[in-house]
């Protein structure tokens, strides 16, 4: 019996100028409630998929970058479309060899759900994640006290 080929997914920005194509399943899908992600997205949390670089088939289009320090003290680099401003991927110094791609950029209603919510100590009071989902106060694996 032959193995089915790995699933290929393509994320793109609003204007279509920047694309990221990945293969297989994400290493992790997480919901981030940190205030940085809230401000970047204009929403109360961001859902990101994490992909080892060997699963990234192609990145096309010109991107602009914004760099800041994360709460861990490590560098966070955001790559976004200079035309429509969609964030296309993030790179965390704390996770070398992995990029984070916003799940919404795939526009796939069948995309895998998040397994974990992080920075729950900063989440909006009215946000509720599914019962049984791991919820961490921050990114140091400290369980959230509320939620």
N, C-alpha and C. Protein backbone atom coordinates (compact mmCIF):
# COMPACT_ATOMS: atom_id res chain seq x y z
N UNK A 1 0.84 -1.17 0.00
CA UNK A 1 0.00 0.00 0.00
C UNK A 1 0.89 1.25 0.00
N UNK A 2 0.60 2.18 -0.87
CA UNK A 2 1.41 3.40 -0.94
C UNK A 2 0.86 4.46 0.00
N UNK A 3 1.80 5.27 0.52
CA UNK A 3 1.42 6.35 1.40
C UNK A 3 0.81 7.49 0.61
N UNK A 4 -0.22 8.12 1.18
CA UNK A 4 -0.81 9.29 0.54
C UNK A 4 0.19 10.43 0.60
N UNK A 5 0.24 11.25 -0.43
CA UNK A 5 1.17 12.38 -0.39
C UNK A 5 0.78 13.34 0.74
N UNK A 6 1.79 14.01 1.29
CA UNK A 6 1.54 14.97 2.36
C UNK A 6 0.68 16.11 1.83
N UNK A 7 -0.23 16.57 2.66
CA UNK A 7 -1.10 17.68 2.29
C UNK A 7 -0.27 18.96 2.12
N UNK A 8 -0.57 19.71 1.09
CA UNK A 8 0.09 21.00 0.85
C UNK A 8 -0.94 22.10 1.07
N UNK A 9 -0.53 23.13 1.82
CA UNK A 9 -1.40 24.27 2.09
C UNK A 9 -0.66 25.55 1.70
N UNK A 10 -1.41 26.53 1.20
CA UNK A 10 -0.82 27.83 0.87
C UNK A 10 -1.58 28.92 1.61
N UNK A 11 -0.82 29.74 2.33
CA UNK A 11 -1.36 30.93 2.99
C UNK A 11 -1.02 32.12 2.11
N UNK A 12 -1.89 33.10 2.10
CA UNK A 12 -1.58 34.31 1.33
C UNK A 12 -2.12 35.53 2.05
N UNK A 13 -1.53 36.67 1.72
CA UNK A 13 -1.98 37.94 2.29
C UNK A 13 -3.27 38.37 1.59
N UNK A 14 -3.84 39.47 2.06
CA UNK A 14 -5.10 39.97 1.50
C UNK A 14 -5.01 40.30 0.02
N UNK A 15 -3.88 40.91 -0.38
CA UNK A 15 -3.76 41.31 -1.79
C UNK A 15 -3.17 40.21 -2.67
N UNK A 16 -2.69 39.12 -2.08
CA UNK A 16 -2.16 37.99 -2.85
C UNK A 16 -0.70 38.11 -3.25
N UNK A 17 -0.02 39.17 -2.85
CA UNK A 17 1.37 39.40 -3.25
C UNK A 17 2.34 38.48 -2.51
N UNK A 18 2.03 38.12 -1.26
CA UNK A 18 2.91 37.26 -0.46
C UNK A 18 2.20 35.93 -0.20
N UNK A 19 2.95 34.85 -0.40
CA UNK A 19 2.41 33.50 -0.18
C UNK A 19 3.43 32.65 0.57
N UNK A 20 2.91 31.73 1.36
CA UNK A 20 3.73 30.75 2.06
C UNK A 20 3.08 29.39 1.80
N UNK A 21 3.85 28.46 1.27
CA UNK A 21 3.35 27.11 1.02
C UNK A 21 4.06 26.15 1.95
N UNK A 22 3.27 25.32 2.63
CA UNK A 22 3.80 24.34 3.58
C UNK A 22 3.25 22.97 3.23
N UNK A 23 3.91 21.96 3.76
CA UNK A 23 3.47 20.60 3.50
C UNK A 23 3.35 19.84 4.81
N UNK A 24 2.42 18.87 4.82
CA UNK A 24 2.20 18.07 6.03
C UNK A 24 1.30 18.79 7.01
N UNK A 25 1.41 18.38 8.25
CA UNK A 25 0.60 18.97 9.32
C UNK A 25 1.47 19.88 10.17
N UNK A 26 0.87 20.93 10.73
CA UNK A 26 1.68 21.83 11.57
C UNK A 26 2.19 21.11 12.82
N UNK A 27 3.37 21.54 13.28
CA UNK A 27 3.94 20.96 14.50
C UNK A 27 3.10 21.36 15.72
N UNK A 28 2.47 22.53 15.63
CA UNK A 28 1.64 23.02 16.73
C UNK A 28 0.71 24.10 16.20
N UNK A 29 -0.47 24.18 16.80
CA UNK A 29 -1.39 25.28 16.54
C UNK A 29 -1.74 25.85 17.90
N UNK A 30 -1.55 27.16 18.06
CA UNK A 30 -1.79 27.78 19.36
C UNK A 30 -2.58 29.07 19.23
N UNK A 31 -3.29 29.42 20.29
CA UNK A 31 -4.00 30.69 20.39
C UNK A 31 -3.21 31.56 21.35
N UNK A 32 -2.74 32.71 20.88
CA UNK A 32 -1.95 33.61 21.72
C UNK A 32 -2.78 34.81 22.12
N UNK A 33 -2.84 35.06 23.41
CA UNK A 33 -3.62 36.15 23.98
C UNK A 33 -2.76 37.33 24.42
N UNK A 34 -1.46 37.33 24.10
CA UNK A 34 -0.59 38.40 24.60
C UNK A 34 -1.01 39.75 24.01
N UNK A 35 -0.73 40.80 24.73
CA UNK A 35 -1.14 42.13 24.26
C UNK A 35 -0.43 42.52 22.97
N UNK A 36 0.78 42.01 22.73
CA UNK A 36 1.46 42.28 21.46
C UNK A 36 0.65 41.73 20.29
N UNK A 37 0.20 40.48 20.41
CA UNK A 37 -0.59 39.87 19.33
C UNK A 37 -1.94 40.56 19.20
N UNK A 38 -2.52 40.99 20.32
CA UNK A 38 -3.79 41.71 20.25
C UNK A 38 -3.62 42.99 19.43
N UNK A 39 -2.57 43.74 19.71
CA UNK A 39 -2.34 45.00 18.98
C UNK A 39 -1.99 44.75 17.52
N UNK A 40 -1.18 43.72 17.27
CA UNK A 40 -0.76 43.43 15.90
C UNK A 40 -1.94 43.03 15.03
N UNK A 41 -2.85 42.23 15.60
CA UNK A 41 -3.95 41.69 14.81
C UNK A 41 -5.21 42.54 14.84
N UNK A 42 -5.35 43.36 15.88
CA UNK A 42 -6.60 44.09 16.05
C UNK A 42 -7.71 43.21 16.59
N UNK A 43 -7.36 42.04 17.07
CA UNK A 43 -8.32 41.09 17.64
C UNK A 43 -7.89 40.75 19.06
N UNK A 44 -8.70 39.99 19.78
CA UNK A 44 -8.37 39.68 21.17
C UNK A 44 -7.40 38.52 21.32
N UNK A 45 -7.21 37.73 20.28
CA UNK A 45 -6.16 36.71 20.27
C UNK A 45 -5.85 36.34 18.83
N UNK A 46 -4.71 35.68 18.65
CA UNK A 46 -4.25 35.24 17.33
C UNK A 46 -4.10 33.73 17.36
N UNK A 47 -4.48 33.07 16.30
CA UNK A 47 -4.27 31.63 16.17
C UNK A 47 -3.15 31.43 15.15
N UNK A 48 -2.07 30.80 15.59
CA UNK A 48 -0.89 30.61 14.74
C UNK A 48 -0.56 29.13 14.61
N UNK A 49 -0.09 28.77 13.42
CA UNK A 49 0.39 27.41 13.18
C UNK A 49 1.91 27.47 13.11
N UNK A 50 2.58 26.48 13.68
CA UNK A 50 4.05 26.43 13.69
C UNK A 50 4.53 25.36 12.73
N UNK A 51 5.50 25.75 11.89
CA UNK A 51 6.02 24.87 10.84
C UNK A 51 7.53 24.81 10.89
N UNK A 52 8.13 23.62 11.06
CA UNK A 52 9.58 23.50 10.90
C UNK A 52 9.95 23.91 9.48
N UNK A 53 11.11 24.53 9.33
CA UNK A 53 11.51 25.03 8.02
C UNK A 53 11.57 23.95 6.95
N UNK A 54 11.80 22.69 7.34
CA UNK A 54 11.83 21.63 6.31
C UNK A 54 10.43 21.32 5.77
N UNK A 55 9.38 21.87 6.38
CA UNK A 55 8.02 21.72 5.87
C UNK A 55 7.58 22.95 5.07
N UNK A 56 8.41 23.98 5.04
CA UNK A 56 8.09 25.19 4.28
C UNK A 56 8.61 24.99 2.86
N UNK A 57 7.69 24.82 1.92
CA UNK A 57 8.05 24.53 0.54
C UNK A 57 8.50 25.79 -0.18
N UNK A 58 7.80 26.90 0.06
CA UNK A 58 8.09 28.11 -0.69
C UNK A 58 7.55 29.34 0.05
N UNK A 59 8.31 30.43 -0.02
CA UNK A 59 7.84 31.74 0.43
C UNK A 59 8.07 32.69 -0.73
N UNK A 60 7.00 33.30 -1.23
CA UNK A 60 7.11 34.18 -2.39
C UNK A 60 6.57 35.56 -2.06
N UNK A 61 7.08 36.55 -2.77
CA UNK A 61 6.64 37.92 -2.60
C UNK A 61 7.58 38.69 -1.69
N UNK A 62 7.51 39.99 -1.82
CA UNK A 62 8.34 40.88 -1.01
C UNK A 62 7.67 41.10 0.34
N UNK A 63 8.46 41.05 1.42
CA UNK A 63 7.92 41.32 2.75
C UNK A 63 8.69 42.46 3.41
N UNK A 64 8.02 43.12 4.33
CA UNK A 64 8.67 44.05 5.24
C UNK A 64 8.77 43.34 6.57
N UNK A 65 9.70 43.79 7.40
CA UNK A 65 9.89 43.12 8.69
C UNK A 65 9.83 44.12 9.83
N UNK A 66 9.33 43.64 10.96
CA UNK A 66 9.32 44.41 12.20
C UNK A 66 9.88 43.50 13.27
N UNK A 67 10.81 44.01 14.04
CA UNK A 67 11.46 43.20 15.07
C UNK A 67 11.26 43.86 16.43
N UNK A 68 11.02 43.02 17.43
CA UNK A 68 10.86 43.50 18.80
C UNK A 68 11.36 42.42 19.74
N UNK A 69 11.48 42.76 21.02
CA UNK A 69 11.82 41.77 22.03
C UNK A 69 10.54 41.18 22.60
N UNK A 70 10.52 39.87 22.77
CA UNK A 70 9.39 39.21 23.38
C UNK A 70 9.49 39.27 24.90
N UNK A 71 8.47 38.81 25.57
CA UNK A 71 8.46 38.79 27.03
C UNK A 71 9.60 37.94 27.59
N UNK A 72 10.04 36.96 26.81
CA UNK A 72 11.14 36.09 27.24
C UNK A 72 12.49 36.79 27.12
N UNK A 73 12.51 37.95 26.45
CA UNK A 73 13.76 38.64 26.19
C UNK A 73 14.35 38.27 24.84
N UNK A 74 13.75 37.28 24.17
CA UNK A 74 14.22 36.86 22.85
C UNK A 74 13.61 37.71 21.75
N UNK A 75 14.26 37.69 20.60
CA UNK A 75 13.83 38.47 19.44
C UNK A 75 12.61 37.82 18.77
N UNK A 76 11.66 38.66 18.37
CA UNK A 76 10.48 38.25 17.61
C UNK A 76 10.53 39.05 16.30
N UNK A 77 10.51 38.35 15.17
CA UNK A 77 10.53 39.02 13.87
C UNK A 77 9.23 38.71 13.14
N UNK A 78 8.52 39.77 12.77
CA UNK A 78 7.26 39.65 12.03
C UNK A 78 7.51 40.01 10.59
N UNK A 79 7.10 39.16 9.66
CA UNK A 79 7.22 39.44 8.23
C UNK A 79 5.82 39.66 7.69
N UNK A 80 5.63 40.81 7.04
CA UNK A 80 4.29 41.16 6.59
C UNK A 80 4.34 41.77 5.19
N UNK A 81 3.20 41.77 4.52
CA UNK A 81 3.10 42.33 3.18
C UNK A 81 3.19 43.85 3.26
N UNK A 82 4.09 44.47 2.49
CA UNK A 82 4.20 45.93 2.52
C UNK A 82 3.02 46.64 1.84
N UNK A 83 2.23 45.91 1.07
CA UNK A 83 1.09 46.52 0.37
C UNK A 83 -0.18 46.49 1.23
N UNK A 84 -0.55 45.32 1.75
CA UNK A 84 -1.81 45.20 2.49
C UNK A 84 -1.61 45.03 3.99
N UNK A 85 -0.37 44.90 4.44
CA UNK A 85 0.00 44.82 5.86
C UNK A 85 -0.37 43.51 6.56
N UNK A 86 -0.78 42.49 5.83
CA UNK A 86 -1.09 41.20 6.47
C UNK A 86 0.19 40.57 7.01
N UNK A 87 0.15 40.15 8.27
CA UNK A 87 1.27 39.39 8.82
C UNK A 87 1.26 38.02 8.16
N UNK A 88 2.42 37.61 7.62
CA UNK A 88 2.49 36.34 6.91
C UNK A 88 3.25 35.26 7.68
N UNK A 89 4.27 35.65 8.43
CA UNK A 89 4.93 34.67 9.29
C UNK A 89 5.69 35.40 10.39
N UNK A 90 5.91 34.66 11.46
CA UNK A 90 6.71 35.16 12.58
C UNK A 90 7.85 34.19 12.83
N UNK A 91 8.94 34.74 13.32
CA UNK A 91 10.09 33.92 13.72
C UNK A 91 10.45 34.31 15.14
N UNK A 92 10.58 33.32 16.00
CA UNK A 92 10.91 33.54 17.40
C UNK A 92 12.32 33.03 17.67
N UNK A 93 13.13 33.87 18.26
CA UNK A 93 14.48 33.44 18.61
C UNK A 93 14.43 32.21 19.52
N UNK A 94 13.37 32.12 20.32
CA UNK A 94 13.21 30.98 21.23
C UNK A 94 12.85 29.68 20.50
N UNK A 95 12.45 29.78 19.21
CA UNK A 95 12.08 28.60 18.43
C UNK A 95 12.82 28.62 17.09
N UNK A 96 14.15 28.43 17.11
CA UNK A 96 14.89 28.49 15.85
C UNK A 96 14.47 27.36 14.90
N UNK A 97 14.49 27.66 13.62
CA UNK A 97 14.16 26.64 12.62
C UNK A 97 12.67 26.41 12.44
N UNK A 98 11.85 27.31 13.00
CA UNK A 98 10.39 27.17 12.93
C UNK A 98 9.81 28.54 12.59
N UNK A 99 8.79 28.56 11.72
CA UNK A 99 8.05 29.80 11.51
C UNK A 99 6.62 29.61 11.96
N UNK A 100 6.00 30.72 12.36
CA UNK A 100 4.58 30.72 12.71
C UNK A 100 3.81 31.41 11.61
N UNK A 101 2.78 30.75 11.11
CA UNK A 101 1.93 31.31 10.06
C UNK A 101 0.53 31.48 10.63
N UNK A 102 -0.04 32.70 10.55
CA UNK A 102 -1.40 32.88 11.05
C UNK A 102 -2.37 31.93 10.35
N UNK A 103 -3.19 31.24 11.13
CA UNK A 103 -4.11 30.25 10.56
C UNK A 103 -5.08 30.90 9.59
N UNK A 104 -5.52 32.12 9.88
CA UNK A 104 -6.46 32.81 9.00
C UNK A 104 -5.92 33.05 7.60
N UNK A 105 -4.60 33.12 7.45
CA UNK A 105 -4.01 33.35 6.14
C UNK A 105 -4.20 32.14 5.21
N UNK A 106 -4.52 30.98 5.78
CA UNK A 106 -4.79 29.80 4.96
C UNK A 106 -6.24 29.80 4.46
N UNK A 107 -7.12 30.56 5.14
CA UNK A 107 -8.54 30.62 4.75
C UNK A 107 -9.11 29.22 4.53
N UNK A 108 -8.85 28.33 5.48
CA UNK A 108 -9.25 26.93 5.38
C UNK A 108 -10.10 26.56 6.60
N UNK A 109 -11.42 26.44 6.43
CA UNK A 109 -12.27 26.13 7.58
C UNK A 109 -12.00 24.76 8.20
N UNK A 110 -11.28 23.89 7.47
CA UNK A 110 -10.95 22.56 8.00
C UNK A 110 -9.57 22.52 8.66
N UNK A 111 -8.93 23.68 8.83
CA UNK A 111 -7.60 23.71 9.43
C UNK A 111 -7.67 23.17 10.86
N UNK A 112 -6.63 22.45 11.32
CA UNK A 112 -6.66 21.89 12.68
C UNK A 112 -6.83 22.98 13.74
N UNK A 113 -7.59 22.65 14.77
CA UNK A 113 -7.86 23.58 15.88
C UNK A 113 -6.63 23.73 16.76
N UNK A 114 -6.55 24.83 17.50
CA UNK A 114 -5.43 25.01 18.44
C UNK A 114 -5.44 23.93 19.52
N UNK A 115 -4.23 23.52 19.93
CA UNK A 115 -4.09 22.55 21.02
C UNK A 115 -3.85 23.25 22.35
N UNK A 116 -3.40 24.51 22.29
CA UNK A 116 -3.01 25.22 23.50
C UNK A 116 -3.32 26.71 23.34
N UNK A 117 -3.66 27.34 24.44
CA UNK A 117 -3.81 28.81 24.48
C UNK A 117 -2.73 29.33 25.42
N UNK A 118 -1.99 30.34 24.96
CA UNK A 118 -0.90 30.91 25.76
C UNK A 118 -1.21 32.36 26.11
N UNK A 119 -0.51 32.85 27.10
CA UNK A 119 -0.70 34.20 27.63
C UNK A 119 -2.15 34.42 28.07
N UNK A 120 -2.72 33.39 28.70
CA UNK A 120 -4.10 33.49 29.17
C UNK A 120 -4.24 34.49 30.32
N UNK A 121 -3.14 34.87 30.97
CA UNK A 121 -3.24 35.90 32.00
C UNK A 121 -3.51 37.27 31.38
N UNK A 122 -3.43 37.37 30.03
CA UNK A 122 -3.71 38.63 29.35
C UNK A 122 -4.94 38.55 28.45
N UNK A 123 -5.66 37.44 28.50
CA UNK A 123 -6.81 37.29 27.60
C UNK A 123 -8.00 38.13 28.07
N UNK A 124 -8.85 38.49 27.12
CA UNK A 124 -10.07 39.22 27.44
C UNK A 124 -10.94 38.37 28.37
N UNK A 125 -11.55 39.02 29.33
CA UNK A 125 -12.34 38.30 30.33
C UNK A 125 -13.45 37.45 29.72
N UNK A 126 -14.00 37.87 28.60
CA UNK A 126 -15.13 37.14 28.00
C UNK A 126 -14.71 36.02 27.07
N UNK A 127 -13.41 35.87 26.80
CA UNK A 127 -12.94 34.79 25.93
C UNK A 127 -12.93 33.48 26.71
N UNK A 128 -13.52 32.45 26.13
CA UNK A 128 -13.52 31.12 26.72
C UNK A 128 -13.05 30.11 25.68
N UNK A 129 -12.05 29.32 26.06
CA UNK A 129 -11.56 28.27 25.18
C UNK A 129 -12.23 26.96 25.55
N UNK A 130 -12.24 26.00 24.64
CA UNK A 130 -12.93 24.73 24.91
C UNK A 130 -12.41 24.04 26.18
N UNK A 131 -13.32 23.41 26.88
CA UNK A 131 -12.94 22.66 28.07
C UNK A 131 -11.94 21.57 27.68
N UNK A 132 -10.90 21.43 28.48
CA UNK A 132 -9.87 20.43 28.22
C UNK A 132 -8.69 20.96 27.42
N UNK A 133 -8.84 22.13 26.79
CA UNK A 133 -7.71 22.71 26.06
C UNK A 133 -6.68 23.22 27.07
N UNK A 134 -5.40 22.91 26.82
CA UNK A 134 -4.34 23.39 27.70
C UNK A 134 -4.32 24.92 27.63
N UNK A 135 -4.34 25.55 28.81
CA UNK A 135 -4.31 27.01 28.89
C UNK A 135 -3.17 27.41 29.81
N UNK A 136 -2.23 28.17 29.25
CA UNK A 136 -1.04 28.58 29.99
C UNK A 136 -1.08 30.07 30.27
N UNK A 137 -0.63 30.45 31.46
CA UNK A 137 -0.63 31.86 31.84
C UNK A 137 0.29 32.67 30.93
N UNK A 138 1.38 32.06 30.48
CA UNK A 138 2.34 32.71 29.61
C UNK A 138 2.91 31.65 28.68
N UNK A 139 4.18 31.74 28.32
CA UNK A 139 4.77 30.70 27.46
C UNK A 139 5.75 29.82 28.22
N UNK A 140 5.74 29.92 29.53
CA UNK A 140 6.68 29.13 30.33
C UNK A 140 6.05 27.87 30.91
N UNK A 141 4.95 27.45 30.32
CA UNK A 141 4.23 26.24 30.74
C UNK A 141 3.63 26.37 32.15
N UNK A 142 3.40 27.61 32.58
CA UNK A 142 2.75 27.86 33.86
C UNK A 142 1.25 27.86 33.61
N UNK A 143 0.49 26.95 34.26
CA UNK A 143 -0.96 26.88 34.01
C UNK A 143 -1.64 28.21 34.34
N UNK A 144 -2.68 28.50 33.56
CA UNK A 144 -3.45 29.71 33.81
C UNK A 144 -4.29 29.52 35.05
N UNK A 145 -4.46 30.58 35.82
CA UNK A 145 -5.26 30.50 37.04
C UNK A 145 -6.73 30.78 36.76
N UNK A 146 -7.00 31.47 35.66
CA UNK A 146 -8.39 31.74 35.30
C UNK A 146 -8.66 31.11 33.94
N UNK A 147 -9.89 30.95 33.60
CA UNK A 147 -10.18 30.52 32.24
C UNK A 147 -10.71 29.18 32.16
